[in-house]
Amino acid sequence: EIGSWVPGPGADLFDTLHRELGYLPFIAEDLGTITADVAALRDRYQIPGTRVLQFAFDGDRQNPYLPHNYSHNMVAYTGTHDNNTTRGWYETLSANQKENLWNYVGRRAGESSEAAAVLMQLAWESPAALAIAPLQDVLNLGADARMNVPGTSEGNWCWRCTEAMLSDVGFTILQDLTKAANRSSALGVAAKETLVGLAS
């Protein structure tokens, strides 16, 4: 591997930012290798952590990416810009992982075309303060719409949303899900106020 961990400014940086700017609208991308001091810094400033549902279905009920293990001060994602689209991700899963997903949501096995909607529902109905889905998941697109493959330098960040896509039925589904999960704009304000309170 190339590169190494080096100490950063840590608490001094966050103290200065908080003093000068007040509320810090940060989300900790606490994925991969997270050391104890990083976790302590995140928790000290009550910065919400990241939970990615695509990492959840290994069969371990204690997996921190399963929604029942979330706390409120988290942000739930179906996937991030570094993941495959959820539809594309589902198509690469083993039979066992697919079974874990459908067992978790308590329904019969479905198709790849259903995976994005299922993960969005899990994220939106989770305890997390915020829920996020890439636009590709709202549009239920496959692997050809993936945004980025980490560690590669070709073909990334090329996907674009066209005007025609903006009338997709996925936005109606998103609107209905947002209302059903009580994540309306009013709740969005409440969630921000909660995060502000946690950070103050």
N, C-alpha and C. Protein backbone atom coordinates (compact mmCIF):
# COMPACT_ATOMS: atom_id res chain seq x y z
N GLU A 1 0.83 -1.20 0.00
CA GLU A 1 0.00 0.00 0.00
C GLU A 1 0.87 1.25 0.00
N ILE A 2 0.32 2.32 -0.53
CA ILE A 2 1.02 3.59 -0.58
C ILE A 2 0.37 4.54 0.41
N GLY A 3 1.19 5.29 1.14
CA GLY A 3 0.66 6.25 2.09
C GLY A 3 0.71 5.73 3.51
N SER A 4 0.44 6.61 4.44
CA SER A 4 0.47 6.23 5.85
C SER A 4 -0.40 7.19 6.65
N TRP A 5 -0.81 6.72 7.82
CA TRP A 5 -1.56 7.57 8.74
C TRP A 5 -0.59 8.54 9.41
N VAL A 6 -0.98 9.79 9.48
CA VAL A 6 -0.19 10.78 10.22
C VAL A 6 -1.13 11.56 11.13
N PRO A 7 -0.64 12.03 12.27
CA PRO A 7 -1.52 12.78 13.18
C PRO A 7 -2.02 14.07 12.54
N GLY A 8 -3.29 14.38 12.75
CA GLY A 8 -3.87 15.63 12.29
C GLY A 8 -4.04 16.59 13.45
N PRO A 9 -4.62 17.75 13.21
CA PRO A 9 -4.79 18.74 14.28
C PRO A 9 -5.80 18.32 15.34
N GLY A 10 -6.68 17.38 15.00
CA GLY A 10 -7.61 16.84 15.99
C GLY A 10 -8.53 17.86 16.62
N ALA A 11 -8.61 17.82 17.95
CA ALA A 11 -9.57 18.65 18.68
C ALA A 11 -9.33 20.14 18.46
N ASP A 12 -8.08 20.55 18.28
CA ASP A 12 -7.79 21.97 18.07
C ASP A 12 -8.54 22.52 16.86
N LEU A 13 -8.58 21.73 15.79
CA LEU A 13 -9.28 22.16 14.58
C LEU A 13 -10.77 22.31 14.85
N PHE A 14 -11.38 21.30 15.48
CA PHE A 14 -12.82 21.34 15.70
C PHE A 14 -13.21 22.41 16.72
N ASP A 15 -12.37 22.63 17.72
CA ASP A 15 -12.64 23.69 18.69
C ASP A 15 -12.64 25.05 17.99
N THR A 16 -11.66 25.26 17.12
CA THR A 16 -11.57 26.54 16.41
C THR A 16 -12.76 26.73 15.46
N LEU A 17 -13.10 25.69 14.71
CA LEU A 17 -14.23 25.79 13.80
C LEU A 17 -15.53 26.06 14.55
N HIS A 18 -15.72 25.36 15.65
CA HIS A 18 -16.95 25.54 16.43
C HIS A 18 -17.01 26.95 17.03
N ARG A 19 -15.88 27.43 17.50
CA ARG A 19 -15.83 28.77 18.09
C ARG A 19 -16.10 29.85 17.04
N GLU A 20 -15.55 29.68 15.85
CA GLU A 20 -15.67 30.71 14.82
C GLU A 20 -16.96 30.60 14.01
N LEU A 21 -17.46 29.39 13.83
CA LEU A 21 -18.59 29.17 12.92
C LEU A 21 -19.84 28.65 13.59
N GLY A 22 -19.74 28.20 14.82
CA GLY A 22 -20.91 27.63 15.49
C GLY A 22 -21.15 26.20 15.04
N TYR A 23 -22.42 25.89 14.75
CA TYR A 23 -22.80 24.53 14.36
C TYR A 23 -21.97 24.04 13.18
N LEU A 24 -21.48 22.83 13.29
CA LEU A 24 -20.66 22.24 12.24
C LEU A 24 -21.48 21.16 11.50
N PRO A 25 -21.91 21.44 10.29
CA PRO A 25 -22.75 20.48 9.57
C PRO A 25 -21.93 19.37 8.92
N PHE A 26 -21.19 18.64 9.74
CA PHE A 26 -20.31 17.59 9.25
C PHE A 26 -20.96 16.22 9.38
N ILE A 27 -20.55 15.32 8.53
CA ILE A 27 -20.88 13.90 8.66
C ILE A 27 -19.55 13.16 8.66
N ALA A 28 -19.33 12.32 9.65
CA ALA A 28 -18.09 11.56 9.72
C ALA A 28 -18.17 10.36 8.78
N GLU A 29 -17.25 10.27 7.86
CA GLU A 29 -17.19 9.08 7.00
C GLU A 29 -16.36 8.03 7.73
N ASP A 30 -16.96 7.49 8.78
CA ASP A 30 -16.25 6.54 9.65
C ASP A 30 -16.39 5.12 9.12
N LEU A 31 -15.80 4.91 7.94
CA LEU A 31 -15.82 3.63 7.26
C LEU A 31 -14.40 3.10 7.15
N GLY A 32 -14.26 1.81 6.98
CA GLY A 32 -12.93 1.24 6.84
C GLY A 32 -12.22 1.18 8.18
N THR A 33 -10.93 1.47 8.17
CA THR A 33 -10.12 1.41 9.38
C THR A 33 -10.34 2.67 10.21
N ILE A 34 -10.97 2.51 11.36
CA ILE A 34 -11.24 3.64 12.25
C ILE A 34 -10.56 3.35 13.58
N THR A 35 -9.62 4.20 13.95
CA THR A 35 -8.89 4.01 15.20
C THR A 35 -9.68 4.59 16.37
N ALA A 36 -9.30 4.19 17.57
CA ALA A 36 -10.04 4.62 18.76
C ALA A 36 -10.03 6.13 18.92
N ASP A 37 -8.90 6.78 18.57
CA ASP A 37 -8.84 8.23 18.73
C ASP A 37 -9.76 8.95 17.74
N VAL A 38 -9.94 8.38 16.56
CA VAL A 38 -10.87 8.96 15.58
C VAL A 38 -12.30 8.84 16.09
N ALA A 39 -12.65 7.67 16.61
CA ALA A 39 -14.00 7.47 17.16
C ALA A 39 -14.25 8.40 18.33
N ALA A 40 -13.23 8.59 19.17
CA ALA A 40 -13.37 9.47 20.33
C ALA A 40 -13.60 10.91 19.89
N LEU A 41 -12.89 11.35 18.85
CA LEU A 41 -13.06 12.71 18.34
C LEU A 41 -14.46 12.89 17.75
N ARG A 42 -14.91 11.91 16.99
CA ARG A 42 -16.27 11.96 16.43
C ARG A 42 -17.31 12.08 17.55
N ASP A 43 -17.15 11.25 18.57
CA ASP A 43 -18.14 11.24 19.65
C ASP A 43 -18.06 12.49 20.51
N ARG A 44 -16.86 13.01 20.70
CA ARG A 44 -16.69 14.23 21.51
C ARG A 44 -17.48 15.39 20.92
N TYR A 45 -17.47 15.50 19.59
CA TYR A 45 -18.15 16.61 18.93
C TYR A 45 -19.52 16.21 18.39
N GLN A 46 -19.96 15.01 18.76
CA GLN A 46 -21.28 14.51 18.36
C GLN A 46 -21.52 14.63 16.86
N ILE A 47 -20.47 14.33 16.10
CA ILE A 47 -20.58 14.33 14.64
C ILE A 47 -21.26 13.03 14.21
N PRO A 48 -22.34 13.10 13.47
CA PRO A 48 -23.03 11.86 13.09
C PRO A 48 -22.15 10.95 12.25
N GLY A 49 -22.21 9.66 12.55
CA GLY A 49 -21.45 8.67 11.80
C GLY A 49 -22.20 8.20 10.57
N THR A 50 -21.51 7.46 9.73
CA THR A 50 -22.05 6.96 8.47
C THR A 50 -22.39 5.48 8.58
N ARG A 51 -23.57 5.12 8.12
CA ARG A 51 -23.97 3.72 8.08
C ARG A 51 -24.46 3.40 6.67
N VAL A 52 -23.81 2.44 6.04
CA VAL A 52 -24.09 2.09 4.65
C VAL A 52 -24.76 0.72 4.60
N LEU A 53 -25.98 0.68 4.12
CA LEU A 53 -26.76 -0.55 4.13
C LEU A 53 -26.16 -1.64 3.25
N GLN A 54 -25.43 -1.27 2.23
CA GLN A 54 -24.83 -2.30 1.38
C GLN A 54 -23.80 -3.15 2.13
N PHE A 55 -23.36 -2.69 3.30
CA PHE A 55 -22.39 -3.44 4.09
C PHE A 55 -23.05 -4.33 5.14
N ALA A 56 -24.38 -4.40 5.14
CA ALA A 56 -25.10 -4.92 6.30
C ALA A 56 -25.41 -6.42 6.30
N PHE A 57 -25.38 -7.06 5.17
CA PHE A 57 -26.05 -8.36 5.08
C PHE A 57 -25.10 -9.55 5.01
N ASP A 58 -24.20 -9.60 6.01
CA ASP A 58 -23.28 -10.74 6.11
C ASP A 58 -23.81 -11.84 7.02
N GLY A 59 -25.01 -11.65 7.56
CA GLY A 59 -25.62 -12.65 8.42
C GLY A 59 -25.39 -12.44 9.90
N ASP A 60 -24.59 -11.45 10.27
CA ASP A 60 -24.30 -11.15 11.68
C ASP A 60 -25.31 -10.13 12.20
N ARG A 61 -26.12 -10.51 13.17
CA ARG A 61 -27.13 -9.60 13.72
C ARG A 61 -26.50 -8.40 14.42
N GLN A 62 -25.23 -8.50 14.79
CA GLN A 62 -24.54 -7.39 15.44
C GLN A 62 -23.84 -6.48 14.44
N ASN A 63 -23.97 -6.77 13.17
CA ASN A 63 -23.36 -5.92 12.15
C ASN A 63 -23.81 -4.48 12.36
N PRO A 64 -22.86 -3.54 12.53
CA PRO A 64 -23.25 -2.15 12.83
C PRO A 64 -23.99 -1.45 11.71
N TYR A 65 -24.00 -2.04 10.52
CA TYR A 65 -24.69 -1.41 9.40
C TYR A 65 -26.14 -1.85 9.27
N LEU A 66 -26.58 -2.80 10.10
CA LEU A 66 -28.00 -3.17 10.13
C LEU A 66 -28.78 -2.09 10.88
N PRO A 67 -29.92 -1.67 10.38
CA PRO A 67 -30.65 -0.55 10.97
C PRO A 67 -31.01 -0.70 12.44
N HIS A 68 -31.26 -1.91 12.92
CA HIS A 68 -31.63 -2.05 14.33
C HIS A 68 -30.45 -1.75 15.26
N ASN A 69 -29.25 -1.63 14.71
CA ASN A 69 -28.08 -1.28 15.51
C ASN A 69 -27.71 0.20 15.42
N TYR A 70 -28.52 1.00 14.73
CA TYR A 70 -28.23 2.43 14.58
C TYR A 70 -28.64 3.19 15.84
N SER A 71 -27.92 4.27 16.09
CA SER A 71 -28.38 5.27 17.05
C SER A 71 -28.96 6.44 16.25
N HIS A 72 -29.53 7.41 16.95
CA HIS A 72 -30.13 8.54 16.24
C HIS A 72 -29.08 9.40 15.56
N ASN A 73 -27.93 9.57 16.20
CA ASN A 73 -26.91 10.47 15.67
C ASN A 73 -26.08 9.78 14.58
N MET A 74 -26.76 9.36 13.54
CA MET A 74 -26.13 8.70 12.41
C MET A 74 -26.82 9.14 11.13
N VAL A 75 -26.14 8.89 10.02
CA VAL A 75 -26.71 9.14 8.70
C VAL A 75 -26.74 7.80 7.97
N ALA A 76 -27.92 7.39 7.55
CA ALA A 76 -28.10 6.11 6.87
C ALA A 76 -28.05 6.32 5.36
N TYR A 77 -27.24 5.53 4.70
CA TYR A 77 -27.11 5.57 3.24
C TYR A 77 -27.48 4.21 2.67
N THR A 78 -28.12 4.19 1.51
CA THR A 78 -28.22 2.93 0.78
C THR A 78 -26.83 2.53 0.31
N GLY A 79 -26.12 3.47 -0.28
CA GLY A 79 -24.74 3.32 -0.71
C GLY A 79 -24.17 4.71 -0.89
N THR A 80 -22.88 4.81 -1.07
CA THR A 80 -22.24 6.11 -1.28
C THR A 80 -21.73 6.20 -2.72
N HIS A 81 -21.08 7.31 -3.02
CA HIS A 81 -20.51 7.50 -4.36
C HIS A 81 -19.43 6.46 -4.66
N ASP A 82 -18.87 5.83 -3.63
CA ASP A 82 -17.83 4.83 -3.83
C ASP A 82 -18.37 3.41 -3.97
N ASN A 83 -19.67 3.26 -3.79
CA ASN A 83 -20.30 1.94 -3.93
C ASN A 83 -20.91 1.79 -5.32
N ASN A 84 -21.20 0.55 -5.67
CA ASN A 84 -22.03 0.29 -6.84
C ASN A 84 -23.42 0.86 -6.58
N THR A 85 -24.21 1.04 -7.61
CA THR A 85 -25.62 1.35 -7.37
C THR A 85 -26.22 0.17 -6.62
N THR A 86 -27.31 0.39 -5.91
CA THR A 86 -27.88 -0.72 -5.14
C THR A 86 -28.35 -1.85 -6.05
N ARG A 87 -28.90 -1.51 -7.18
CA ARG A 87 -29.32 -2.56 -8.13
C ARG A 87 -28.10 -3.34 -8.61
N GLY A 88 -27.04 -2.63 -8.97
CA GLY A 88 -25.82 -3.30 -9.41
C GLY A 88 -25.18 -4.11 -8.30
N TRP A 89 -25.20 -3.56 -7.08
CA TRP A 89 -24.66 -4.27 -5.91
C TRP A 89 -25.40 -5.58 -5.69
N TYR A 90 -26.73 -5.53 -5.74
CA TYR A 90 -27.52 -6.73 -5.49
C TYR A 90 -27.16 -7.84 -6.48
N GLU A 91 -26.91 -7.47 -7.70
CA GLU A 91 -26.61 -8.46 -8.74
C GLU A 91 -25.28 -9.15 -8.52
N THR A 92 -24.42 -8.59 -7.67
CA THR A 92 -23.12 -9.21 -7.37
C THR A 92 -23.13 -10.01 -6.07
N LEU A 93 -24.23 -9.99 -5.33
CA LEU A 93 -24.28 -10.68 -4.05
C LEU A 93 -24.32 -12.20 -4.23
N SER A 94 -23.78 -12.89 -3.23
CA SER A 94 -23.92 -14.34 -3.20
C SER A 94 -25.37 -14.69 -2.87
N ALA A 95 -25.74 -15.93 -3.13
CA ALA A 95 -27.09 -16.38 -2.80
C ALA A 95 -27.35 -16.23 -1.30
N ASN A 96 -26.33 -16.46 -0.49
CA ASN A 96 -26.48 -16.35 0.96
C ASN A 96 -26.74 -14.91 1.39
N GLN A 97 -26.01 -13.97 0.80
CA GLN A 97 -26.21 -12.56 1.13
C GLN A 97 -27.60 -12.08 0.70
N LYS A 98 -28.04 -12.53 -0.46
CA LYS A 98 -29.39 -12.18 -0.90
C LYS A 98 -30.42 -12.72 0.08
N GLU A 99 -30.22 -13.94 0.52
CA GLU A 99 -31.14 -14.53 1.49
C GLU A 99 -31.14 -13.74 2.79
N ASN A 100 -29.95 -13.29 3.23
CA ASN A 100 -29.87 -12.49 4.45
C ASN A 100 -30.69 -11.20 4.32
N LEU A 101 -30.60 -10.57 3.16
CA LEU A 101 -31.35 -9.33 2.93
C LEU A 101 -32.85 -9.59 3.03
N TRP A 102 -33.34 -10.56 2.30
CA TRP A 102 -34.79 -10.79 2.27
C TRP A 102 -35.30 -11.30 3.61
N ASN A 103 -34.49 -12.10 4.30
CA ASN A 103 -34.89 -12.54 5.64
C ASN A 103 -34.98 -11.36 6.60
N TYR A 104 -34.06 -10.43 6.45
CA TYR A 104 -34.04 -9.28 7.36
C TYR A 104 -35.31 -8.44 7.21
N VAL A 105 -35.76 -8.27 5.99
CA VAL A 105 -36.96 -7.46 5.77
C VAL A 105 -38.24 -8.29 5.87
N GLY A 106 -38.09 -9.59 6.09
CA GLY A 106 -39.24 -10.44 6.36
C GLY A 106 -40.16 -10.68 5.18
N ARG A 107 -39.56 -10.90 4.02
CA ARG A 107 -40.39 -11.14 2.84
C ARG A 107 -39.72 -12.14 1.92
N ARG A 108 -40.48 -12.60 0.97
CA ARG A 108 -39.94 -13.57 0.01
C ARG A 108 -38.82 -12.92 -0.80
N ALA A 109 -37.98 -13.77 -1.36
CA ALA A 109 -36.88 -13.27 -2.18
C ALA A 109 -37.42 -12.49 -3.37
N GLY A 110 -36.80 -11.35 -3.62
CA GLY A 110 -37.22 -10.50 -4.72
C GLY A 110 -36.18 -10.46 -5.83
N GLU A 111 -36.29 -9.46 -6.67
CA GLU A 111 -35.41 -9.31 -7.82
C GLU A 111 -34.50 -8.10 -7.62
N SER A 112 -33.49 -8.00 -8.48
CA SER A 112 -32.57 -6.86 -8.38
C SER A 112 -33.30 -5.54 -8.58
N SER A 113 -34.38 -5.56 -9.34
CA SER A 113 -35.15 -4.34 -9.59
C SER A 113 -35.85 -3.82 -8.34
N GLU A 114 -35.93 -4.64 -7.29
CA GLU A 114 -36.59 -4.25 -6.05
C GLU A 114 -35.61 -3.82 -4.97
N ALA A 115 -34.33 -4.09 -5.17
CA ALA A 115 -33.35 -3.91 -4.09
C ALA A 115 -33.21 -2.46 -3.64
N ALA A 116 -33.17 -1.52 -4.58
CA ALA A 116 -32.98 -0.12 -4.21
C ALA A 116 -34.14 0.38 -3.36
N ALA A 117 -35.36 0.04 -3.74
CA ALA A 117 -36.53 0.48 -2.97
C ALA A 117 -36.52 -0.12 -1.57
N VAL A 118 -36.08 -1.37 -1.45
CA VAL A 118 -36.02 -2.03 -0.14
C VAL A 118 -34.99 -1.35 0.75
N LEU A 119 -33.79 -1.07 0.21
CA LEU A 119 -32.77 -0.42 1.03
C LEU A 119 -33.16 1.01 1.38
N MET A 120 -33.82 1.70 0.46
CA MET A 120 -34.29 3.05 0.78
C MET A 120 -35.30 3.02 1.91
N GLN A 121 -36.20 2.06 1.86
CA GLN A 121 -37.19 1.95 2.94
C GLN A 121 -36.51 1.67 4.28
N LEU A 122 -35.51 0.78 4.28
CA LEU A 122 -34.77 0.50 5.51
C LEU A 122 -34.09 1.76 6.04
N ALA A 123 -33.47 2.53 5.15
CA ALA A 123 -32.79 3.75 5.58
C ALA A 123 -33.78 4.78 6.10
N TRP A 124 -34.87 4.99 5.37
CA TRP A 124 -35.85 6.02 5.74
C TRP A 124 -36.57 5.67 7.04
N GLU A 125 -36.79 4.39 7.29
CA GLU A 125 -37.50 3.98 8.50
C GLU A 125 -36.57 3.70 9.67
N SER A 126 -35.28 3.88 9.49
CA SER A 126 -34.30 3.62 10.54
C SER A 126 -34.31 4.73 11.58
N PRO A 127 -33.65 4.52 12.73
CA PRO A 127 -33.56 5.57 13.75
C PRO A 127 -32.63 6.72 13.37
N ALA A 128 -31.86 6.57 12.28
CA ALA A 128 -30.88 7.59 11.90
C ALA A 128 -31.53 8.95 11.70
N ALA A 129 -30.82 10.00 12.12
CA ALA A 129 -31.35 11.36 12.00
C ALA A 129 -31.57 11.75 10.54
N LEU A 130 -30.70 11.29 9.66
CA LEU A 130 -30.81 11.60 8.24
C LEU A 130 -30.72 10.31 7.44
N ALA A 131 -31.38 10.29 6.29
CA ALA A 131 -31.31 9.16 5.37
C ALA A 131 -31.00 9.69 3.98
N ILE A 132 -30.06 9.03 3.30
CA ILE A 132 -29.60 9.50 2.00
C ILE A 132 -29.53 8.34 1.02
N ALA A 133 -29.98 8.58 -0.19
CA ALA A 133 -29.83 7.61 -1.28
C ALA A 133 -29.24 8.35 -2.48
N PRO A 134 -28.23 7.78 -3.12
CA PRO A 134 -27.74 8.38 -4.36
C PRO A 134 -28.88 8.47 -5.39
N LEU A 135 -28.79 9.44 -6.26
CA LEU A 135 -29.83 9.62 -7.27
C LEU A 135 -29.99 8.36 -8.13
N GLN A 136 -28.89 7.66 -8.34
CA GLN A 136 -28.97 6.43 -9.13
C GLN A 136 -29.89 5.39 -8.48
N ASP A 137 -29.96 5.40 -7.14
CA ASP A 137 -30.86 4.46 -6.46
C ASP A 137 -32.31 4.93 -6.54
N VAL A 138 -32.52 6.23 -6.45
CA VAL A 138 -33.87 6.76 -6.63
C VAL A 138 -34.40 6.39 -8.02
N LEU A 139 -33.51 6.43 -9.00
CA LEU A 139 -33.88 6.11 -10.38
C LEU A 139 -33.81 4.61 -10.68
N ASN A 140 -33.36 3.83 -9.70
CA ASN A 140 -33.28 2.36 -9.83
C ASN A 140 -32.40 1.94 -11.00
N LEU A 141 -31.22 2.56 -11.09
CA LEU A 141 -30.31 2.28 -12.19
C LEU A 141 -29.33 1.17 -11.83
N GLY A 142 -28.78 0.53 -12.85
CA GLY A 142 -27.86 -0.58 -12.67
C GLY A 142 -26.42 -0.14 -12.59
N ALA A 143 -25.52 -1.12 -12.66
CA ALA A 143 -24.10 -0.89 -12.45
C ALA A 143 -23.49 0.07 -13.47
N ASP A 144 -24.11 0.20 -14.64
CA ASP A 144 -23.56 1.11 -15.64
C ASP A 144 -23.68 2.57 -15.24
N ALA A 145 -24.44 2.84 -14.17
CA ALA A 145 -24.58 4.21 -13.68
C ALA A 145 -23.73 4.45 -12.43
N ARG A 146 -22.84 3.53 -12.12
CA ARG A 146 -21.99 3.70 -10.95
C ARG A 146 -21.16 4.96 -11.09
N MET A 147 -20.98 5.69 -9.97
CA MET A 147 -20.28 6.96 -10.01
C MET A 147 -18.76 6.80 -9.94
N ASN A 148 -18.28 5.94 -9.03
CA ASN A 148 -16.85 5.89 -8.78
C ASN A 148 -16.44 4.49 -8.33
N VAL A 149 -15.27 4.06 -8.80
CA VAL A 149 -14.67 2.81 -8.33
C VAL A 149 -13.35 3.19 -7.65
N PRO A 150 -13.28 3.14 -6.32
CA PRO A 150 -12.06 3.56 -5.62
C PRO A 150 -10.83 2.80 -6.13
N GLY A 151 -9.73 3.52 -6.21
CA GLY A 151 -8.48 2.91 -6.64
C GLY A 151 -8.31 2.81 -8.14
N THR A 152 -9.25 3.37 -8.89
CA THR A 152 -9.13 3.38 -10.35
C THR A 152 -9.12 4.83 -10.84
N SER A 153 -8.53 5.03 -12.00
CA SER A 153 -8.40 6.40 -12.52
C SER A 153 -9.16 6.63 -13.82
N GLU A 154 -9.81 5.61 -14.32
CA GLU A 154 -10.51 5.74 -15.61
C GLU A 154 -12.01 5.54 -15.44
N GLY A 155 -12.79 6.34 -16.14
CA GLY A 155 -14.23 6.13 -16.22
C GLY A 155 -15.04 6.56 -15.02
N ASN A 156 -14.43 7.27 -14.09
CA ASN A 156 -15.15 7.69 -12.89
C ASN A 156 -15.78 9.06 -13.06
N TRP A 157 -16.83 9.30 -12.29
CA TRP A 157 -17.52 10.59 -12.25
C TRP A 157 -18.02 11.02 -13.63
N CYS A 158 -18.43 10.06 -14.43
CA CYS A 158 -18.93 10.36 -15.77
C CYS A 158 -20.45 10.34 -15.87
N TRP A 159 -21.10 9.66 -14.92
CA TRP A 159 -22.56 9.55 -15.01
C TRP A 159 -23.22 10.91 -14.83
N ARG A 160 -24.26 11.17 -15.61
CA ARG A 160 -24.99 12.42 -15.51
C ARG A 160 -26.49 12.14 -15.49
N CYS A 161 -27.21 12.94 -14.73
CA CYS A 161 -28.67 12.87 -14.72
C CYS A 161 -29.18 13.79 -15.83
N THR A 162 -30.02 13.25 -16.69
CA THR A 162 -30.58 14.05 -17.77
C THR A 162 -31.92 14.65 -17.34
N GLU A 163 -32.36 15.65 -18.06
CA GLU A 163 -33.63 16.29 -17.74
C GLU A 163 -34.79 15.30 -17.81
N ALA A 164 -34.72 14.39 -18.76
CA ALA A 164 -35.79 13.40 -18.91
C ALA A 164 -35.93 12.52 -17.67
N MET A 165 -34.82 12.28 -17.00
CA MET A 165 -34.85 11.42 -15.81
C MET A 165 -35.61 12.06 -14.66
N LEU A 166 -35.76 13.37 -14.68
CA LEU A 166 -36.35 14.07 -13.54
C LEU A 166 -37.85 13.83 -13.42
N SER A 167 -38.45 13.21 -14.42
CA SER A 167 -39.87 12.87 -14.33
C SER A 167 -40.07 11.39 -14.00
N ASP A 168 -39.00 10.72 -13.63
CA ASP A 168 -39.06 9.28 -13.35
C ASP A 168 -40.00 8.99 -12.18
N VAL A 169 -40.65 7.84 -12.24
CA VAL A 169 -41.57 7.42 -11.18
C VAL A 169 -40.85 7.28 -9.84
N GLY A 170 -39.53 7.12 -9.89
CA GLY A 170 -38.76 7.00 -8.65
C GLY A 170 -38.94 8.18 -7.72
N PHE A 171 -39.17 9.36 -8.27
CA PHE A 171 -39.36 10.53 -7.42
C PHE A 171 -40.70 10.50 -6.70
N THR A 172 -41.70 9.92 -7.33
CA THR A 172 -42.99 9.74 -6.66
C THR A 172 -42.85 8.73 -5.53
N ILE A 173 -42.12 7.66 -5.79
CA ILE A 173 -41.86 6.66 -4.75
C ILE A 173 -41.10 7.29 -3.60
N LEU A 174 -40.10 8.11 -3.92
CA LEU A 174 -39.32 8.80 -2.88
C LEU A 174 -40.20 9.72 -2.06
N GLN A 175 -41.07 10.46 -2.71
CA GLN A 175 -41.98 11.37 -2.01
C GLN A 175 -42.90 10.59 -1.07
N ASP A 176 -43.47 9.51 -1.57
CA ASP A 176 -44.37 8.70 -0.75
C ASP A 176 -43.63 8.09 0.44
N LEU A 177 -42.42 7.61 0.21
CA LEU A 177 -41.63 7.01 1.28
C LEU A 177 -41.26 8.05 2.33
N THR A 178 -40.90 9.24 1.88
CA THR A 178 -40.53 10.31 2.80
C THR A 178 -41.70 10.70 3.70
N LYS A 179 -42.88 10.77 3.13
CA LYS A 179 -44.07 11.07 3.93
C LYS A 179 -44.40 9.93 4.88
N ALA A 180 -44.37 8.70 4.37
CA ALA A 180 -44.72 7.54 5.19
C ALA A 180 -43.77 7.36 6.36
N ALA A 181 -42.49 7.68 6.15
CA ALA A 181 -41.49 7.53 7.20
C ALA A 181 -41.38 8.78 8.07
N ASN A 182 -42.24 9.75 7.82
CA ASN A 182 -42.25 11.00 8.59
C ASN A 182 -40.93 11.75 8.47
N ARG A 183 -40.35 11.71 7.28
CA ARG A 183 -39.13 12.48 7.01
C ARG A 183 -39.45 13.63 6.06
N SER A 184 -40.52 14.33 6.37
CA SER A 184 -40.93 15.47 5.56
C SER A 184 -39.97 16.62 5.79
N SER A 185 -40.19 17.73 5.08
CA SER A 185 -39.31 18.90 5.25
C SER A 185 -39.36 19.41 6.67
N ALA A 186 -40.52 19.32 7.29
CA ALA A 186 -40.63 19.77 8.68
C ALA A 186 -39.76 18.92 9.59
N LEU A 187 -39.77 17.60 9.34
CA LEU A 187 -38.93 16.73 10.14
C LEU A 187 -37.47 16.97 9.84
N GLY A 188 -37.18 17.33 8.57
CA GLY A 188 -35.80 17.63 8.22
C GLY A 188 -35.26 18.78 9.05
N VAL A 189 -36.08 19.78 9.27
CA VAL A 189 -35.69 20.89 10.14
C VAL A 189 -35.46 20.39 11.55
N ALA A 190 -36.37 19.53 12.03
CA ALA A 190 -36.23 18.98 13.38
C ALA A 190 -34.97 18.16 13.51
N ALA A 191 -34.65 17.38 12.46
CA ALA A 191 -33.44 16.56 12.49
C ALA A 191 -32.20 17.45 12.56
N LYS A 192 -32.20 18.54 11.79
CA LYS A 192 -31.07 19.45 11.83
C LYS A 192 -30.94 20.07 13.21
N GLU A 193 -32.08 20.46 13.80
CA GLU A 193 -32.04 21.05 15.13
C GLU A 193 -31.51 20.05 16.15
N THR A 194 -31.87 18.78 15.97
CA THR A 194 -31.36 17.75 16.87
C THR A 194 -29.86 17.64 16.74
N LEU A 195 -29.35 17.63 15.50
CA LEU A 195 -27.92 17.53 15.29
C LEU A 195 -27.20 18.76 15.81
N VAL A 196 -27.83 19.93 15.66
CA VAL A 196 -27.24 21.16 16.22
C VAL A 196 -27.14 21.03 17.72
N GLY A 197 -28.22 20.55 18.34
CA GLY A 197 -28.22 20.39 19.79
C GLY A 197 -27.17 19.41 20.26
N LEU A 198 -26.99 18.33 19.51
CA LEU A 198 -25.98 17.34 19.88
C LEU A 198 -24.58 17.91 19.76
N ALA A 199 -24.41 18.81 18.77
CA ALA A 199 -23.08 19.35 18.53
C ALA A 199 -22.74 20.53 19.43
N SER A 200 -23.74 21.10 20.10
CA SER A 200 -23.48 22.29 20.91
C SER A 200 -23.07 21.94 22.32
